């Protein structure tokens, strides 16, 4: 059975640090919307954010 761990929080809360120090070593994949948005859009534009999020959840 697949396991999912979801971290949510404001910028600078330590989500990426937690991944780097724990989950990475348990070979859990990571999806970071901020990194995806840098490639495909602008986080300040709501429609760009929605396009990225909708694409992630369809896959």
PDB file of N, CA and C in Angstrom:
ATOM      1  N   UNK A   1       0.827  -1.162   0.000  1.00  0.00           N
ATOM      2  CA  UNK A   1       0.000   0.000   0.000  1.00  0.00           C
ATOM      3  C   UNK A   1       0.890   1.251   0.000  1.00  0.00           C
ATOM      4  N   UNK A   2       0.520   2.235  -0.820  1.00  0.00           N
ATOM      5  CA  UNK A   2       1.278   3.475  -0.861  1.00  0.00           C
ATOM      6  C   UNK A   2       1.033   4.284   0.400  1.00  0.00           C
ATOM      7  N   UNK A   3       2.099   4.964   0.841  1.00  0.00           N
ATOM      8  CA  UNK A   3       1.989   5.863   1.986  1.00  0.00           C
ATOM      9  C   UNK A   3       2.279   7.274   1.519  1.00  0.00           C
ATOM     10  N   UNK A   4       1.529   8.195   2.031  1.00  0.00           N
ATOM     11  CA  UNK A   4       1.734   9.602   1.716  1.00  0.00           C
ATOM     12  C   UNK A   4       1.955  10.370   3.009  1.00  0.00           C
ATOM     13  N   UNK A   5       2.928  11.264   2.983  1.00  0.00           N
ATOM     14  CA  UNK A   5       3.170  12.166   4.100  1.00  0.00           C
ATOM     15  C   UNK A   5       3.041  13.568   3.530  1.00  0.00           C
ATOM     16  N   UNK A   6       2.164  14.366   4.106  1.00  0.00           N
ATOM     17  CA  UNK A   6       1.918  15.708   3.592  1.00  0.00           C
ATOM     18  C   UNK A   6       2.350  16.725   4.642  1.00  0.00           C
ATOM     19  N   UNK A   7       3.175  17.668   4.207  1.00  0.00           N
ATOM     20  CA  UNK A   7       3.600  18.763   5.068  1.00  0.00           C
ATOM     21  C   UNK A   7       3.057  20.056   4.482  1.00  0.00           C
ATOM     22  N   UNK A   8       2.474  20.866   5.314  1.00  0.00           N
ATOM     23  CA  UNK A   8       1.971  22.170   4.890  1.00  0.00           C
ATOM     24  C   UNK A   8       2.431  23.204   5.904  1.00  0.00           C
ATOM     25  N   UNK A   9       2.750  24.367   5.412  1.00  0.00           N
ATOM     26  CA  UNK A   9       3.152  25.436   6.314  1.00  0.00           C
ATOM     27  C   UNK A   9       3.626  26.639   5.533  1.00  0.00           C
ATOM     28  N   UNK A  10       3.817  27.713   6.230  1.00  0.00           N
ATOM     29  CA  UNK A  10       4.264  28.951   5.600  1.00  0.00           C
ATOM     30  C   UNK A  10       5.721  28.811   5.164  1.00  0.00           C
ATOM     31  N   UNK A  11       6.146  29.709   4.284  1.00  0.00           N
ATOM     32  CA  UNK A  11       7.534  29.714   3.835  1.00  0.00           C
ATOM     33  C   UNK A  11       8.458  29.866   5.043  1.00  0.00           C
ATOM     34  N   UNK A  12       9.508  29.059   5.054  1.00  0.00           N
ATOM     35  CA  UNK A  12      10.486  29.129   6.130  1.00  0.00           C
ATOM     36  C   UNK A  12      10.145  28.305   7.359  1.00  0.00           C
ATOM     37  N   UNK A  13       9.068  27.534   7.296  1.00  0.00           N
ATOM     38  CA  UNK A  13       8.649  26.744   8.458  1.00  0.00           C
ATOM     39  C   UNK A  13       9.530  25.517   8.685  1.00  0.00           C
ATOM     40  N   UNK A  14      10.260  25.074   7.660  1.00  0.00           N
ATOM     41  CA  UNK A  14      11.143  23.921   7.812  1.00  0.00           C
ATOM     42  C   UNK A  14      10.677  22.660   7.110  1.00  0.00           C
ATOM     43  N   UNK A  15       9.733  22.783   6.189  1.00  0.00           N
ATOM     44  CA  UNK A  15       9.216  21.603   5.477  1.00  0.00           C
ATOM     45  C   UNK A  15      10.313  20.919   4.667  1.00  0.00           C
ATOM     46  N   UNK A  16      11.073  21.688   3.917  1.00  0.00           N
ATOM     47  CA  UNK A  16      12.151  21.112   3.097  1.00  0.00           C
ATOM     48  C   UNK A  16      13.256  20.542   3.970  1.00  0.00           C
ATOM     49  N   UNK A  17      13.562  21.206   5.062  1.00  0.00           N
ATOM     50  CA  UNK A  17      14.581  20.710   5.985  1.00  0.00           C
ATOM     51  C   UNK A  17      14.166  19.373   6.578  1.00  0.00           C
ATOM     52  N   UNK A  18      12.915  19.256   6.952  1.00  0.00           N
ATOM     53  CA  UNK A  18      12.418  17.989   7.487  1.00  0.00           C
ATOM     54  C   UNK A  18      12.561  16.884   6.454  1.00  0.00           C
ATOM     55  N   UNK A  19      12.218  17.173   5.209  1.00  0.00           N
ATOM     56  CA  UNK A  19      12.367  16.173   4.148  1.00  0.00           C
ATOM     57  C   UNK A  19      13.835  15.766   4.010  1.00  0.00           C
ATOM     58  N   UNK A  20      14.720  16.746   3.934  1.00  0.00           N
ATOM     59  CA  UNK A  20      16.142  16.465   3.733  1.00  0.00           C
ATOM     60  C   UNK A  20      16.739  15.651   4.878  1.00  0.00           C
ATOM     61  N   UNK A  21      16.262  15.853   6.086  1.00  0.00           N
ATOM     62  CA  UNK A  21      16.859  15.163   7.232  1.00  0.00           C
ATOM     63  C   UNK A  21      16.207  13.829   7.569  1.00  0.00           C
ATOM     64  N   UNK A  22      15.020  13.556   7.029  1.00  0.00           N
ATOM     65  CA  UNK A  22      14.340  12.323   7.411  1.00  0.00           C
ATOM     66  C   UNK A  22      13.794  11.545   6.221  1.00  0.00           C
ATOM     67  N   UNK A  23      12.866  12.110   5.509  1.00  0.00           N
ATOM     68  CA  UNK A  23      12.142  11.351   4.485  1.00  0.00           C
ATOM     69  C   UNK A  23      13.017  10.955   3.304  1.00  0.00           C
ATOM     70  N   UNK A  24      13.993  11.777   2.957  1.00  0.00           N
ATOM     71  CA  UNK A  24      14.888  11.461   1.846  1.00  0.00           C
ATOM     72  C   UNK A  24      15.574  10.113   2.070  1.00  0.00           C
ATOM     73  N   UNK A  25      15.923   9.824   3.294  1.00  0.00           N
ATOM     74  CA  UNK A  25      16.642   8.590   3.608  1.00  0.00           C
ATOM     75  C   UNK A  25      15.733   7.370   3.676  1.00  0.00           C
ATOM     76  N   UNK A  26      14.449   7.606   3.645  1.00  0.00           N
ATOM     77  CA  UNK A  26      13.479   6.513   3.598  1.00  0.00           C
ATOM     78  C   UNK A  26      12.942   6.335   2.185  1.00  0.00           C
ATOM     79  N   UNK A  27      13.625   6.954   1.227  1.00  0.00           N
ATOM     80  CA  UNK A  27      13.320   6.847  -0.202  1.00  0.00           C
ATOM     81  C   UNK A  27      11.869   7.206  -0.511  1.00  0.00           C
ATOM     82  N   UNK A  28      11.383   8.257   0.099  1.00  0.00           N
ATOM     83  CA  UNK A  28      10.036   8.733  -0.195  1.00  0.00           C
ATOM     84  C   UNK A  28      10.146   9.865  -1.217  1.00  0.00           C
ATOM     85  N   UNK A  29       9.352   9.805  -2.279  1.00  0.00           N
ATOM     86  CA  UNK A  29       9.411  10.864  -3.286  1.00  0.00           C
ATOM     87  C   UNK A  29       8.887  12.180  -2.721  1.00  0.00           C
ATOM     88  N   UNK A  30       9.251  13.256  -3.390  1.00  0.00           N
ATOM     89  CA  UNK A  30       8.882  14.591  -2.924  1.00  0.00           C
ATOM     90  C   UNK A  30       8.262  15.377  -4.062  1.00  0.00           C
ATOM     91  N   UNK A  31       7.167  16.041  -3.786  1.00  0.00           N
ATOM     92  CA  UNK A  31       6.556  16.971  -4.732  1.00  0.00           C
ATOM     93  C   UNK A  31       6.562  18.330  -4.052  1.00  0.00           C
ATOM     94  N   UNK A  32       7.193  19.301  -4.678  1.00  0.00           N
ATOM     95  CA  UNK A  32       7.280  20.641  -4.114  1.00  0.00           C
ATOM     96  C   UNK A  32       6.670  21.613  -5.112  1.00  0.00           C
ATOM     97  N   UNK A  33       5.494  22.123  -4.799  1.00  0.00           N
ATOM     98  CA  UNK A  33       4.781  22.998  -5.724  1.00  0.00           C
ATOM     99  C   UNK A  33       5.581  24.266  -6.011  1.00  0.00           C
ATOM    100  N   UNK A  34       6.310  24.788  -5.028  1.00  0.00           N
ATOM    101  CA  UNK A  34       7.125  25.985  -5.260  1.00  0.00           C
ATOM    102  C   UNK A  34       8.137  25.753  -6.373  1.00  0.00           C
ATOM    103  N   UNK A  35       8.794  24.588  -6.365  1.00  0.00           N
ATOM    104  CA  UNK A  35       9.784  24.280  -7.399  1.00  0.00           C
ATOM    105  C   UNK A  35       9.123  24.122  -8.762  1.00  0.00           C
ATOM    106  N   UNK A  36       7.956  23.507  -8.791  1.00  0.00           N
ATOM    107  CA  UNK A  36       7.238  23.326 -10.057  1.00  0.00           C
ATOM    108  C   UNK A  36       6.786  24.671 -10.600  1.00  0.00           C
ATOM    109  N   UNK A  37       6.278  25.531  -9.739  1.00  0.00           N
ATOM    110  CA  UNK A  37       5.822  26.848 -10.183  1.00  0.00           C
ATOM    111  C   UNK A  37       6.956  27.682 -10.758  1.00  0.00           C
ATOM    112  N   UNK A  38       8.162  27.546 -10.213  1.00  0.00           N
ATOM    113  CA  UNK A  38       9.302  28.291 -10.745  1.00  0.00           C
ATOM    114  C   UNK A  38       9.537  27.939 -12.205  1.00  0.00           C
ATOM    115  N   UNK A  39       9.217  26.705 -12.579  1.00  0.00           N
ATOM    116  CA  UNK A  39       9.413  26.244 -13.945  1.00  0.00           C
ATOM    117  C   UNK A  39       8.244  26.600 -14.849  1.00  0.00           C
ATOM    118  N   UNK A  40       7.019  26.499 -14.329  1.00  0.00           N
ATOM    119  CA  UNK A  40       5.835  26.607 -15.179  1.00  0.00           C
ATOM    120  C   UNK A  40       4.971  27.833 -14.938  1.00  0.00           C
ATOM    121  N   UNK A  41       5.320  28.677 -14.010  1.00  0.00           N
ATOM    122  CA  UNK A  41       4.457  29.823 -13.769  1.00  0.00           C
ATOM    123  C   UNK A  41       4.952  30.696 -12.640  1.00  0.00           C
ATOM    124  N   UNK A  42       4.044  31.506 -12.131  1.00  0.00           N
ATOM    125  CA  UNK A  42       4.351  32.477 -11.089  1.00  0.00           C
ATOM    126  C   UNK A  42       3.413  32.234  -9.915  1.00  0.00           C
ATOM    127  N   UNK A  43       3.954  32.043  -8.724  1.00  0.00           N
ATOM    128  CA  UNK A  43       3.124  31.741  -7.565  1.00  0.00           C
ATOM    129  C   UNK A  43       2.207  32.890  -7.191  1.00  0.00           C
ATOM    130  N   UNK A  44       2.480  34.092  -7.707  1.00  0.00           N
ATOM    131  CA  UNK A  44       1.635  35.252  -7.420  1.00  0.00           C
ATOM    132  C   UNK A  44       0.379  35.276  -8.284  1.00  0.00           C
ATOM    133  N   UNK A  45       0.354  34.459  -9.323  1.00  0.00           N
ATOM    134  CA  UNK A  45      -0.786  34.419 -10.242  1.00  0.00           C
ATOM    135  C   UNK A  45      -1.611  33.177  -9.915  1.00  0.00           C
ATOM    136  N   UNK A  46      -2.796  33.409  -9.387  1.00  0.00           N
ATOM    137  CA  UNK A  46      -3.649  32.310  -8.919  1.00  0.00           C
ATOM    138  C   UNK A  46      -3.915  31.285 -10.006  1.00  0.00           C
ATOM    139  N   UNK A  47      -4.138  31.730 -11.236  1.00  0.00           N
ATOM    140  CA  UNK A  47      -4.437  30.778 -12.311  1.00  0.00           C
ATOM    141  C   UNK A  47      -3.247  29.867 -12.591  1.00  0.00           C
ATOM    142  N   UNK A  48      -2.018  30.365 -12.469  1.00  0.00           N
ATOM    143  CA  UNK A  48      -0.829  29.518 -12.642  1.00  0.00           C
ATOM    144  C   UNK A  48      -0.760  28.462 -11.544  1.00  0.00           C
ATOM    145  N   UNK A  49      -1.025  28.874 -10.317  1.00  0.00           N
ATOM    146  CA  UNK A  49      -1.001  27.938  -9.187  1.00  0.00           C
ATOM    147  C   UNK A  49      -2.037  26.845  -9.393  1.00  0.00           C
ATOM    148  N   UNK A  50      -3.237  27.217  -9.796  1.00  0.00           N
ATOM    149  CA  UNK A  50      -4.313  26.240  -9.997  1.00  0.00           C
ATOM    150  C   UNK A  50      -3.967  25.256 -11.116  1.00  0.00           C
ATOM    151  N   UNK A  51      -3.352  25.733 -12.199  1.00  0.00           N
ATOM    152  CA  UNK A  51      -2.963  24.843 -13.303  1.00  0.00           C
ATOM    153  C   UNK A  51      -1.968  23.791 -12.820  1.00  0.00           C
ATOM    154  N   UNK A  52      -0.977  24.221 -12.062  1.00  0.00           N
ATOM    155  CA  UNK A  52       0.032  23.287 -11.558  1.00  0.00           C
ATOM    156  C   UNK A  52      -0.605  22.285 -10.600  1.00  0.00           C
ATOM    157  N   UNK A  53      -1.410  22.761  -9.657  1.00  0.00           N
ATOM    158  CA  UNK A  53      -2.035  21.857  -8.689  1.00  0.00           C
ATOM    159  C   UNK A  53      -2.973  20.872  -9.373  1.00  0.00           C
ATOM    160  N   UNK A  54      -3.760  21.327 -10.318  1.00  0.00           N
ATOM    161  CA  UNK A  54      -4.666  20.424 -11.033  1.00  0.00           C
ATOM    162  C   UNK A  54      -3.887  19.368 -11.808  1.00  0.00           C
ATOM    163  N   UNK A  55      -2.780  19.744 -12.427  1.00  0.00           N
ATOM    164  CA  UNK A  55      -1.953  18.793 -13.156  1.00  0.00           C
ATOM    165  C   UNK A  55      -1.345  17.744 -12.249  1.00  0.00           C
ATOM    166  N   UNK A  56      -0.938  18.135 -11.042  1.00  0.00           N
ATOM    167  CA  UNK A  56      -0.346  17.186 -10.099  1.00  0.00           C
ATOM    168  C   UNK A  56      -1.346  16.137  -9.657  1.00  0.00           C
ATOM    169  N   UNK A  57      -2.548  16.554  -9.345  1.00  0.00           N
ATOM    170  CA  UNK A  57      -3.526  15.622  -8.804  1.00  0.00           C
ATOM    171  C   UNK A  57      -4.158  14.747  -9.872  1.00  0.00           C
ATOM    172  N   UNK A  58      -4.036  15.106 -11.127  1.00  0.00           N
ATOM    173  CA  UNK A  58      -4.543  14.242 -12.204  1.00  0.00           C
ATOM    174  C   UNK A  58      -3.587  13.095 -12.467  1.00  0.00           C
ATOM    175  N   UNK A  59      -2.301  13.329 -12.232  1.00  0.00           N
ATOM    176  CA  UNK A  59      -1.291  12.299 -12.469  1.00  0.00           C
ATOM    177  C   UNK A  59      -1.242  11.440 -11.263  1.00  0.00           C
TER     178      UNK A  59
END
